[in-house]
Amino acid sequence: MLNKAAVAALTTALFSRAYAIDAEIKVDLQTRYQSVDGFGCSQAFQRAEDIFGKYGLSPKNQSYVLDLMYSEERGAGFTILRNGIGSSNSSISNFMNSIEPFSPGSPTSKPNYTWDHYNSGQFPLSQQARARGLPYIYADAWSAPGYMKTNQDENWGGFLCGIEDETCPSGDWRQAYANYLVQYIKFYAESGVPVTHLGFLNEPQEVVSYASMGSNGTQAAEFVKILGQTLEREGIDIELTCCDGVGWSEQEAMIPGLQVVGSDGKSAEDYLSVVTGHGYSSAPTFPLSTKRRTWLTEWTDLSGAFTPYTFFADGGAGEGMTWANNIQTAFVNANVSAFIYWIGAENSTTNSGMINLINDEVIPSKRFWSMASFSKFVRPHAQRVKATSSDASVTVSAFENTNGVVAIQVINNGTSATSLTIDLGQTHKKVKTVVPWVTSNDYDLEELTKIDVKQNSFVTSVPARSLTSFVTECD
């Protein structure tokens, strides 16, 4: 972080001298769009254990990385943790343990559930995250246990036995799988950590060597109804999600199946609260055709070596500015209510995590600081509001929080500093000052000197190749 003298010098360089105005940004708080649930990550496949010292991270740095991710005051203030509902009967490699590791014999036999209060490290992580203010835990299954599937394997795709067009000698496991998921929710609740969102699929278009299960939209709809009705009978109040398609377009292709109205007068969509998709094979650049909220629930750079210090070099897939643009586009163009990166923190040589834990060192990447520039200031139940820029190289998003604080994210994709007039329009509370927070190749979400606001507008400048969050302070 910068010292006071450096902050003062940067502030003087960027904000204190007179500028010929290059562009104008207008914020319209009267034109409102989707509500926000938040931002987050996953620590599935035993990545939670990395945080708790699996590779030598000290207790001091364990607390530090937990604060970085989940504390609003001391870090990014992530609000969503995506946990994996395990389907393995062992914990070798990076497998996630199942609560029913072995078949009870048949779909109607009494299940043999087990609960270790650990859940591949995810349960203690959930406790620590909630202690730092995390409101939402999204439990998502990559696969049903292998004995419930057509291929008798948690890996390599396969389908849930009994779902449309898929039969098994062992019988119909649809209701048993629904019961299994409900029991997982009960174990967490009984242990004092309520799960708020539940999913049962992950990238059903993919056949891969790790936990995976296939489904089309019609098959997913069939199981959504079974699971939704089971939750209703159990009196469990939880937000049901579907279907974590491998890409945004692939998820869009599943939606018609979810919207078919059955003989009971209801569609699967009626049971859902959130429609979920990933960004790998197609990015979230358009709104999904659903009446439900939408979440981007997984995306990362799977190819690059770990590059922690690059906000912009050449527009690479792991750069901080690339992810700043990904996040902004997802909210502005696709109307998502949440953005969840793949892994938050891990011991790795790749860009799959936002924070690297090497031996006893915590290394946040520019991707992390880009996410934090949104998550720290855009809190749950905020609403996106209209914001426009007169310069195509300067993009903008804006959100009003429930306390009246407005957070404006300005990305300067250009090669030189740009001077701006930012007009806040008609605000719900009188704004006295705004605080700029800058992220670039040189700065990691650095707080600069406040800017006075006069007649609901102010003049400022943003550095080349940067993300700046302007956060209002009200009377």
Protein backbone atom coordinates (compact mmCIF):
# COMPACT_ATOMS: atom_id res chain seq x y z
CA MET A 1 0.00 0.00 0.00
CA LEU A 2 1.15 3.59 -0.57
CA ASN A 3 2.32 5.85 2.24
CA LYS A 4 0.65 9.21 2.88
CA ALA A 5 3.21 11.17 0.91
CA ALA A 6 2.83 8.92 -2.13
CA VAL A 7 -0.96 9.15 -1.96
CA ALA A 8 -0.75 12.94 -1.78
CA ALA A 9 1.57 13.04 -4.78
CA LEU A 10 -0.68 10.74 -6.80
CA THR A 11 -3.73 12.79 -5.88
CA THR A 12 -2.02 15.99 -6.96
CA ALA A 13 -0.97 14.43 -10.24
CA LEU A 14 -4.38 13.07 -11.09
CA PHE A 15 -6.99 15.29 -9.52
CA SER A 16 -5.74 18.69 -8.42
CA ARG A 17 -4.74 20.59 -11.53
CA ALA A 18 -6.97 22.20 -14.11
CA TYR A 19 -8.00 20.01 -17.03
CA ALA A 20 -9.52 20.51 -20.41
CA ILE A 21 -12.42 18.06 -20.15
CA ASP A 22 -12.03 15.01 -22.39
CA ALA A 23 -15.26 13.18 -21.55
CA GLU A 24 -18.48 13.43 -19.59
CA ILE A 25 -20.11 10.74 -17.48
CA LYS A 26 -23.74 11.04 -16.51
CA VAL A 27 -25.38 9.02 -13.74
CA ASP A 28 -29.16 8.73 -13.63
CA LEU A 29 -30.37 7.36 -10.30
CA GLN A 30 -33.98 7.50 -11.46
CA THR A 31 -33.38 4.81 -14.11
CA ARG A 32 -32.87 1.60 -12.20
CA TYR A 33 -32.07 -1.94 -13.26
CA GLN A 34 -31.32 -5.20 -11.45
CA SER A 35 -30.66 -5.66 -7.75
CA VAL A 36 -27.29 -6.99 -6.64
CA ASP A 37 -26.60 -10.09 -4.55
CA GLY A 38 -22.87 -9.65 -4.67
CA PHE A 39 -19.49 -11.05 -5.56
CA GLY A 40 -17.54 -14.09 -4.49
CA CYS A 41 -15.56 -17.19 -5.28
CA SER A 42 -15.29 -20.92 -4.58
CA GLN A 43 -12.81 -22.96 -2.56
CA ALA A 44 -14.12 -26.32 -3.78
CA PHE A 45 -11.98 -29.39 -4.57
CA GLN A 46 -10.06 -29.01 -1.29
CA ARG A 47 -8.88 -25.47 -2.08
CA ALA A 48 -10.32 -24.46 1.29
CA GLU A 49 -7.56 -26.54 2.88
CA ASP A 50 -4.96 -24.34 1.16
CA ILE A 51 -6.25 -21.43 3.25
CA PHE A 52 -5.99 -23.47 6.45
CA GLY A 53 -2.30 -24.28 6.05
CA LYS A 54 -2.18 -27.36 3.83
CA TYR A 55 0.95 -25.97 2.17
CA GLY A 56 2.42 -24.15 5.15
CA LEU A 57 0.37 -20.96 5.49
CA SER A 58 0.80 -19.66 9.04
CA PRO A 59 -2.18 -18.86 11.32
CA LYS A 60 -1.37 -15.16 10.95
CA ASN A 61 -1.56 -15.33 7.17
CA GLN A 62 -4.61 -17.59 7.30
CA SER A 63 -6.42 -14.76 9.09
CA TYR A 64 -4.97 -12.26 6.63
CA VAL A 65 -6.27 -14.04 3.52
CA LEU A 66 -9.68 -14.61 5.14
CA ASP A 67 -9.86 -10.89 5.90
CA LEU A 68 -8.76 -10.02 2.37
CA MET A 69 -11.62 -12.02 0.89
CA TYR A 70 -14.48 -11.63 3.36
CA SER A 71 -14.01 -8.53 5.50
CA GLU A 72 -15.69 -5.44 4.08
CA GLU A 73 -13.55 -3.21 6.28
CA ARG A 74 -10.17 -4.88 5.76
CA GLY A 75 -10.62 -6.47 2.34
CA ALA A 76 -12.93 -7.13 -0.60
CA GLY A 77 -16.02 -7.97 1.44
CA PHE A 78 -17.09 -10.91 -0.74
CA THR A 79 -20.72 -11.84 -0.09
CA ILE A 80 -21.03 -15.26 -1.80
CA LEU A 81 -19.12 -18.48 -1.13
CA ARG A 82 -19.76 -21.28 -3.62
CA ASN A 83 -19.25 -24.66 -1.93
CA GLY A 84 -19.04 -27.97 -3.76
CA ILE A 85 -21.41 -30.72 -2.59
CA GLY A 86 -19.06 -33.68 -2.73
CA SER A 87 -19.76 -36.96 -4.50
CA SER A 88 -16.60 -38.96 -3.66
CA ASN A 89 -16.13 -41.86 -1.26
CA SER A 90 -12.58 -40.78 -0.49
CA SER A 91 -10.52 -37.62 -0.17
CA ILE A 92 -7.56 -38.67 -2.32
CA SER A 93 -6.17 -36.13 -4.74
CA ASN A 94 -8.59 -33.18 -4.60
CA PHE A 95 -11.82 -35.22 -4.29
CA MET A 96 -14.70 -33.80 -2.25
CA ASN A 97 -16.22 -36.19 0.28
CA SER A 98 -19.83 -37.29 -0.10
CA ILE A 99 -22.25 -37.35 2.84
CA GLU A 100 -23.35 -40.78 1.52
CA PRO A 101 -20.11 -42.29 0.25
CA PHE A 102 -21.48 -45.76 -0.49
CA SER A 103 -24.70 -46.99 -2.01
CA PRO A 104 -27.42 -48.00 0.46
CA GLY A 105 -28.28 -50.80 -1.97
CA SER A 106 -31.25 -49.33 -3.80
CA PRO A 107 -32.99 -45.96 -4.26
CA THR A 108 -35.58 -46.85 -1.60
CA SER A 109 -33.17 -48.33 0.97
CA LYS A 110 -32.41 -46.37 4.13
CA PRO A 111 -29.52 -44.00 3.32
CA ASN A 112 -26.27 -44.15 5.28
CA TYR A 113 -25.50 -40.46 5.73
CA THR A 114 -22.36 -39.24 7.47
CA TRP A 115 -21.28 -35.75 8.51
CA ASP A 116 -17.73 -34.84 9.53
CA HIS A 117 -18.21 -31.09 10.19
CA TYR A 118 -15.38 -30.54 7.71
CA ASN A 119 -16.76 -31.02 4.18
CA SER A 120 -13.36 -31.00 2.48
CA GLY A 121 -12.42 -27.86 4.42
CA GLN A 122 -15.47 -25.95 3.22
CA PHE A 123 -17.41 -26.08 6.48
CA PRO A 124 -14.76 -24.33 8.65
CA LEU A 125 -14.24 -21.88 5.77
CA SER A 126 -17.96 -21.16 5.77
CA GLN A 127 -17.80 -20.49 9.50
CA GLN A 128 -14.87 -18.09 9.12
CA ALA A 129 -16.45 -16.30 6.17
CA ARG A 130 -19.75 -15.84 8.01
CA ALA A 131 -17.89 -14.50 11.04
CA ARG A 132 -16.54 -11.77 8.74
CA GLY A 133 -19.99 -10.87 7.44
CA LEU A 134 -20.61 -13.21 4.48
CA PRO A 135 -24.41 -13.49 3.97
CA TYR A 136 -24.72 -16.11 1.20
CA ILE A 137 -23.51 -19.69 0.89
CA TYR A 138 -24.20 -21.31 -2.46
CA ALA A 139 -23.98 -25.12 -2.24
CA ASP A 140 -23.66 -26.69 -5.67
CA ALA A 141 -23.19 -30.31 -6.70
CA TRP A 142 -20.88 -31.14 -9.59
CA SER A 143 -22.37 -34.65 -9.73
CA ALA A 144 -24.59 -37.09 -7.92
CA PRO A 145 -22.69 -39.99 -6.30
CA GLY A 146 -21.60 -42.51 -8.93
CA TYR A 147 -24.02 -45.22 -7.78
CA MET A 148 -26.92 -42.91 -8.68
CA LYS A 149 -25.75 -42.44 -12.28
CA THR A 150 -25.91 -44.27 -15.57
CA ASN A 151 -22.12 -44.64 -15.80
CA GLN A 152 -21.72 -45.69 -12.13
CA ASP A 153 -18.98 -43.06 -11.76
CA GLU A 154 -18.98 -39.56 -10.29
CA ASN A 155 -16.61 -38.58 -13.11
CA TRP A 156 -16.91 -38.61 -16.91
CA GLY A 157 -20.44 -37.28 -17.21
CA GLY A 158 -23.21 -39.85 -17.10
CA PHE A 159 -26.81 -39.07 -16.18
CA LEU A 160 -28.98 -39.31 -13.10
CA CYS A 161 -30.74 -42.68 -13.13
CA GLY A 162 -34.46 -42.30 -13.84
CA ILE A 163 -34.31 -38.91 -15.51
CA GLU A 164 -35.97 -38.68 -18.94
CA ASP A 165 -34.45 -41.20 -21.40
CA GLU A 166 -31.99 -42.51 -18.79
CA THR A 167 -32.63 -45.82 -17.00
CA CYS A 168 -30.43 -47.99 -14.78
CA PRO A 169 -30.62 -51.59 -13.55
CA SER A 170 -30.42 -50.27 -9.98
CA GLY A 171 -33.62 -48.24 -10.40
CA ASP A 172 -34.80 -44.63 -10.30
CA TRP A 173 -32.56 -42.44 -8.11
CA ARG A 174 -34.20 -39.06 -8.71
CA GLN A 175 -35.95 -38.80 -5.35
CA ALA A 176 -32.97 -40.30 -3.53
CA TYR A 177 -30.74 -37.60 -5.04
CA ALA A 178 -33.18 -34.88 -3.98
CA ASN A 179 -33.22 -36.32 -0.45
CA TYR A 180 -29.41 -36.42 -0.49
CA LEU A 181 -29.18 -32.71 -1.34
CA VAL A 182 -31.75 -31.81 1.30
CA GLN A 183 -29.79 -33.75 3.92
CA TYR A 184 -26.64 -31.82 3.03
CA ILE A 185 -28.56 -28.59 3.67
CA LYS A 186 -29.81 -29.97 6.99
CA PHE A 187 -26.29 -30.89 8.14
CA TYR A 188 -25.09 -27.33 7.57
CA ALA A 189 -28.14 -25.80 9.24
CA GLU A 190 -27.89 -28.10 12.27
CA SER A 191 -24.23 -27.09 12.58
CA GLY A 192 -25.09 -23.39 12.69
CA VAL A 193 -24.20 -22.40 9.12
CA PRO A 194 -27.32 -22.03 6.96
CA VAL A 195 -26.99 -22.57 3.22
CA THR A 196 -28.88 -19.88 1.32
CA HIS A 197 -28.71 -21.16 -2.29
CA LEU A 198 -28.78 -24.71 -3.65
CA GLY A 199 -27.78 -26.10 -7.06
CA PHE A 200 -27.53 -29.66 -8.35
CA LEU A 201 -25.64 -29.34 -11.65
CA ASN A 202 -22.34 -27.99 -12.90
CA GLU A 203 -21.49 -27.60 -16.58
CA PRO A 204 -23.84 -30.39 -17.72
CA GLN A 205 -22.62 -29.96 -21.31
CA GLU A 206 -19.15 -31.25 -20.38
CA VAL A 207 -17.80 -34.81 -20.06
CA VAL A 208 -14.63 -34.49 -17.99
CA SER A 209 -12.33 -36.56 -15.81
CA TYR A 210 -13.56 -34.97 -12.56
CA ALA A 211 -16.98 -34.89 -10.93
CA SER A 212 -19.55 -34.15 -13.64
CA MET A 213 -23.07 -35.07 -14.71
CA GLY A 214 -24.96 -34.49 -17.94
CA SER A 215 -28.36 -32.92 -18.47
CA ASN A 216 -30.35 -31.04 -21.06
CA GLY A 217 -32.91 -28.36 -20.24
CA THR A 218 -35.86 -30.76 -20.16
CA GLN A 219 -34.07 -33.20 -17.86
CA ALA A 220 -32.96 -30.38 -15.58
CA ALA A 221 -36.55 -29.12 -15.41
CA GLU A 222 -37.76 -32.56 -14.42
CA PHE A 223 -35.38 -32.70 -11.47
CA VAL A 224 -35.93 -29.06 -10.46
CA LYS A 225 -39.58 -29.91 -9.80
CA ILE A 226 -38.70 -32.99 -7.75
CA LEU A 227 -36.16 -31.08 -5.69
CA GLY A 228 -38.40 -28.04 -5.32
CA GLN A 229 -41.32 -30.13 -4.11
CA THR A 230 -39.06 -32.00 -1.69
CA LEU A 231 -37.84 -28.72 -0.20
CA GLU A 232 -41.44 -27.57 0.17
CA ARG A 233 -42.45 -30.76 1.98
CA GLU A 234 -39.49 -30.37 4.32
CA GLY A 235 -40.36 -26.73 5.01
CA ILE A 236 -36.90 -25.57 3.94
CA ASP A 237 -36.67 -21.96 2.81
CA ILE A 238 -33.81 -21.77 0.34
CA GLU A 239 -33.18 -20.24 -3.07
CA LEU A 240 -33.00 -22.97 -5.72
CA THR A 241 -30.70 -22.46 -8.72
CA CYS A 242 -30.02 -24.04 -12.10
CA CYS A 243 -27.96 -24.99 -14.14
CA ASP A 244 -24.37 -23.62 -14.18
CA GLY A 245 -23.99 -24.08 -17.93
CA VAL A 246 -20.40 -24.10 -19.17
CA GLY A 247 -21.03 -20.86 -21.06
CA TRP A 248 -23.65 -18.12 -21.12
CA SER A 249 -25.03 -19.23 -24.50
CA GLU A 250 -25.12 -22.86 -23.35
CA GLN A 251 -27.13 -21.81 -20.31
CA GLU A 252 -29.47 -19.80 -22.53
CA ALA A 253 -30.09 -22.96 -24.57
CA MET A 254 -31.32 -24.77 -21.45
CA ILE A 255 -33.88 -22.14 -20.47
CA PRO A 256 -36.75 -23.14 -22.81
CA GLY A 257 -36.84 -26.55 -21.12
CA LEU A 258 -37.09 -24.87 -17.72
CA GLN A 259 -40.04 -22.77 -18.88
CA VAL A 260 -42.32 -25.56 -20.12
CA VAL A 261 -45.55 -25.52 -18.08
CA GLY A 262 -46.64 -28.94 -16.89
CA SER A 263 -50.07 -30.40 -16.18
CA ASP A 264 -49.86 -28.90 -12.68
CA GLY A 265 -49.78 -25.42 -14.21
CA LYS A 266 -46.19 -24.80 -13.10
CA SER A 267 -42.84 -24.73 -14.86
CA ALA A 268 -39.46 -25.58 -13.39
CA GLU A 269 -38.66 -21.87 -13.56
CA ASP A 270 -41.44 -21.29 -11.02
CA TYR A 271 -39.38 -23.25 -8.48
CA LEU A 272 -36.18 -21.37 -9.21
CA SER A 273 -34.91 -18.15 -7.66
CA VAL A 274 -31.72 -17.81 -9.70
CA VAL A 275 -30.56 -19.00 -13.12
CA THR A 276 -26.80 -19.60 -13.13
CA GLY A 277 -24.20 -19.83 -15.88
CA HIS A 278 -20.44 -19.75 -16.46
CA GLY A 279 -18.28 -17.72 -18.80
CA TYR A 280 -15.88 -20.26 -20.30
CA SER A 281 -17.25 -21.20 -23.73
CA SER A 282 -19.29 -17.99 -24.10
CA ALA A 283 -19.13 -14.83 -22.05
CA PRO A 284 -22.03 -13.10 -20.23
CA THR A 285 -22.66 -10.32 -22.73
CA PHE A 286 -26.47 -10.47 -23.00
CA PRO A 287 -29.40 -11.01 -20.60
CA LEU A 288 -30.63 -14.58 -20.24
CA SER A 289 -34.25 -15.16 -21.32
CA THR A 290 -35.62 -15.71 -17.83
CA LYS A 291 -37.79 -13.86 -15.35
CA ARG A 292 -35.43 -14.92 -12.54
CA ARG A 293 -32.27 -13.21 -11.30
CA THR A 294 -29.11 -14.41 -12.99
CA TRP A 295 -25.67 -15.13 -11.56
CA LEU A 296 -22.33 -15.63 -13.29
CA THR A 297 -21.13 -18.44 -11.02
CA GLU A 298 -17.77 -19.48 -12.43
CA TRP A 299 -15.08 -18.10 -14.72
CA THR A 300 -11.31 -17.79 -14.67
CA ASP A 301 -8.19 -17.85 -16.81
CA LEU A 302 -7.40 -21.56 -17.10
CA SER A 303 -4.37 -21.26 -19.36
CA GLY A 304 -2.03 -18.61 -18.01
CA ALA A 305 0.81 -18.82 -15.49
CA PHE A 306 0.17 -16.89 -12.28
CA THR A 307 0.52 -13.17 -13.09
CA PRO A 308 -0.16 -11.22 -9.91
CA TYR A 309 1.20 -7.81 -10.80
CA THR A 310 -0.19 -7.11 -14.27
CA PHE A 311 -3.25 -4.91 -14.53
CA PHE A 312 -2.61 -4.30 -18.22
CA ALA A 313 0.11 -5.45 -20.61
CA ASP A 314 -1.48 -6.70 -23.82
CA GLY A 315 -5.07 -7.54 -22.88
CA GLY A 316 -4.26 -11.08 -21.76
CA ALA A 317 -6.86 -13.40 -20.23
CA GLY A 318 -5.43 -13.14 -16.71
CA GLU A 319 -4.88 -9.39 -16.52
CA GLY A 320 -6.66 -7.20 -14.00
CA MET A 321 -8.18 -4.88 -16.58
CA THR A 322 -9.52 -7.84 -18.54
CA TRP A 323 -11.43 -8.91 -15.44
CA ALA A 324 -12.54 -5.38 -14.61
CA ASN A 325 -14.12 -5.27 -18.07
CA ASN A 326 -15.56 -8.80 -17.67
CA ILE A 327 -17.27 -7.84 -14.43
CA GLN A 328 -18.59 -4.54 -15.72
CA THR A 329 -19.90 -6.10 -18.93
CA ALA A 330 -21.64 -8.88 -17.01
CA PHE A 331 -23.56 -6.37 -14.89
CA VAL A 332 -24.23 -3.75 -17.56
CA ASN A 333 -24.85 -5.90 -20.65
CA ALA A 334 -26.01 -9.21 -19.15
CA ASN A 335 -27.86 -7.78 -16.12
CA VAL A 336 -26.34 -10.31 -13.72
CA SER A 337 -26.98 -9.92 -10.00
CA ALA A 338 -23.79 -11.69 -8.93
CA PHE A 339 -20.31 -12.41 -10.22
CA ILE A 340 -18.42 -15.38 -8.77
CA TYR A 341 -14.82 -16.02 -9.76
CA TRP A 342 -13.64 -19.65 -9.80
CA ILE A 343 -11.08 -19.93 -6.99
CA GLY A 344 -10.45 -17.23 -4.41
CA ALA A 345 -7.11 -18.37 -2.97
CA GLU A 346 -4.94 -21.40 -3.66
CA ASN A 347 -1.42 -22.76 -3.89
CA SER A 348 -0.99 -22.82 -7.65
CA THR A 349 1.24 -21.82 -10.53
CA THR A 350 -1.73 -20.69 -12.67
CA ASN A 351 -4.22 -17.82 -12.84
CA SER A 352 -7.11 -20.00 -11.65
CA GLY A 353 -7.04 -18.25 -8.26
CA MET A 354 -7.28 -14.56 -7.47
CA ILE A 355 -4.84 -14.89 -4.56
CA ASN A 356 -1.83 -17.19 -4.49
CA LEU A 357 -0.68 -18.88 -1.29
CA ILE A 358 2.95 -19.86 -1.79
CA ASN A 359 4.54 -21.41 1.28
CA ASP A 360 3.76 -18.73 3.88
CA GLU A 361 3.17 -15.86 1.48
CA VAL A 362 -0.14 -14.28 0.45
CA ILE A 363 -0.01 -12.72 -3.04
CA PRO A 364 -3.18 -10.95 -4.25
CA SER A 365 -3.40 -10.57 -8.02
CA LYS A 366 -4.65 -7.57 -9.98
CA ARG A 367 -7.74 -9.73 -10.74
CA PHE A 368 -8.46 -9.71 -7.02
CA TRP A 369 -8.10 -5.95 -6.73
CA SER A 370 -10.38 -5.47 -9.74
CA MET A 371 -13.05 -7.63 -8.12
CA ALA A 372 -12.56 -5.81 -4.81
CA SER A 373 -13.08 -2.47 -6.55
CA PHE A 374 -16.65 -3.60 -7.16
CA SER A 375 -17.39 -5.85 -4.18
CA LYS A 376 -16.14 -3.51 -1.47
CA PHE A 377 -18.47 -0.71 -2.52
CA VAL A 378 -21.46 -2.47 -4.14
CA ARG A 379 -23.22 -4.25 -1.33
CA PRO A 380 -26.14 -6.71 -1.29
CA HIS A 381 -29.48 -5.22 -2.38
CA ALA A 382 -27.79 -2.33 -4.18
CA GLN A 383 -29.37 -1.49 -7.51
CA ARG A 384 -27.60 -0.82 -10.74
CA VAL A 385 -28.51 2.57 -12.15
CA LYS A 386 -28.05 4.14 -15.54
CA ALA A 387 -24.60 5.53 -16.31
CA THR A 388 -23.27 6.72 -19.66
CA SER A 389 -19.93 7.95 -20.97
CA SER A 390 -19.28 10.23 -23.91
CA ASP A 391 -15.95 8.48 -24.60
CA ALA A 392 -16.06 4.91 -25.93
CA SER A 393 -12.67 4.10 -24.36
CA VAL A 394 -13.95 5.11 -20.93
CA THR A 395 -16.64 2.70 -19.73
CA VAL A 396 -18.78 3.12 -16.65
CA SER A 397 -21.14 1.32 -14.31
CA ALA A 398 -22.95 2.72 -11.29
CA PHE A 399 -24.85 1.31 -8.32
CA GLU A 400 -26.83 2.85 -5.48
CA ASN A 401 -26.65 1.06 -2.15
CA THR A 402 -29.55 0.84 0.26
CA ASN A 403 -27.91 3.51 2.47
CA GLY A 404 -27.85 5.96 -0.43
CA VAL A 405 -24.12 5.63 -1.16
CA VAL A 406 -23.42 5.56 -4.90
CA ALA A 407 -20.45 3.62 -6.28
CA ILE A 408 -19.28 4.48 -9.81
CA GLN A 409 -16.70 2.29 -11.56
CA VAL A 410 -14.80 4.01 -14.36
CA ILE A 411 -12.51 1.92 -16.57
CA ASN A 412 -10.12 3.89 -18.72
CA ASN A 413 -9.11 1.52 -21.52
CA GLY A 414 -7.15 4.28 -23.23
CA THR A 415 -3.42 4.86 -23.35
CA SER A 416 -3.44 8.26 -21.62
CA ALA A 417 -5.04 9.87 -18.60
CA THR A 418 -8.54 11.16 -19.28
CA SER A 419 -10.18 14.15 -17.63
CA LEU A 420 -13.84 13.82 -16.76
CA THR A 421 -16.86 15.64 -15.57
CA ILE A 422 -19.07 13.25 -13.61
CA ASP A 423 -22.65 14.43 -13.21
CA LEU A 424 -24.57 12.58 -10.47
CA GLY A 425 -27.93 13.96 -11.56
CA GLN A 426 -30.73 13.97 -9.02
CA THR A 427 -29.53 12.10 -5.93
CA HIS A 428 -31.62 10.74 -3.07
CA LYS A 429 -29.23 12.20 -0.51
CA LYS A 430 -27.08 15.34 -0.67
CA VAL A 431 -23.56 14.37 -1.76
CA LYS A 432 -20.71 16.41 -0.27
CA THR A 433 -17.65 14.52 -1.46
CA VAL A 434 -16.56 11.44 -3.38
CA VAL A 435 -13.63 9.19 -2.57
CA PRO A 436 -11.64 7.80 -5.53
CA TRP A 437 -10.04 4.35 -5.25
CA VAL A 438 -7.55 3.52 -8.03
CA THR A 439 -6.34 0.17 -9.38
CA SER A 440 -3.76 0.00 -12.18
CA ASN A 441 -0.33 -1.45 -12.89
CA ASP A 442 1.00 0.82 -10.13
CA TYR A 443 -1.80 0.82 -7.56
CA ASP A 444 -3.85 -1.79 -5.71
CA LEU A 445 -7.18 -0.22 -4.82
CA GLU A 446 -5.52 2.85 -3.34
CA GLU A 447 -7.72 5.38 -1.56
CA LEU A 448 -6.99 8.91 -2.68
CA THR A 449 -7.96 12.31 -1.35
CA LYS A 450 -11.65 13.19 -1.34
CA ILE A 451 -13.07 15.33 -4.13
CA ASP A 452 -15.61 18.06 -3.37
CA VAL A 453 -18.95 17.77 -5.13
CA LYS A 454 -20.72 20.96 -6.22
CA GLN A 455 -24.24 20.98 -7.62
CA ASN A 456 -24.06 17.17 -7.81
CA SER A 457 -21.11 17.09 -10.20
CA PHE A 458 -17.33 17.05 -9.99
CA VAL A 459 -14.29 17.22 -12.22
CA THR A 460 -11.61 14.57 -12.03
CA SER A 461 -9.14 12.53 -14.06
CA VAL A 462 -8.51 8.81 -14.39
CA PRO A 463 -5.10 7.30 -15.22
CA ALA A 464 -4.44 5.41 -18.42
CA ARG A 465 -5.27 1.68 -18.29
CA SER A 466 -6.97 1.90 -14.90
CA LEU A 467 -10.09 1.16 -12.88
CA THR A 468 -11.28 3.86 -10.51
CA SER A 469 -14.20 3.51 -8.12
CA PHE A 470 -15.75 6.79 -7.05
CA VAL A 471 -17.72 6.38 -3.83
CA THR A 472 -20.02 9.13 -2.62
CA GLU A 473 -20.16 10.47 0.91
CA CYS A 474 -23.53 11.88 1.92
CA ASP A 475 -24.87 14.18 4.63
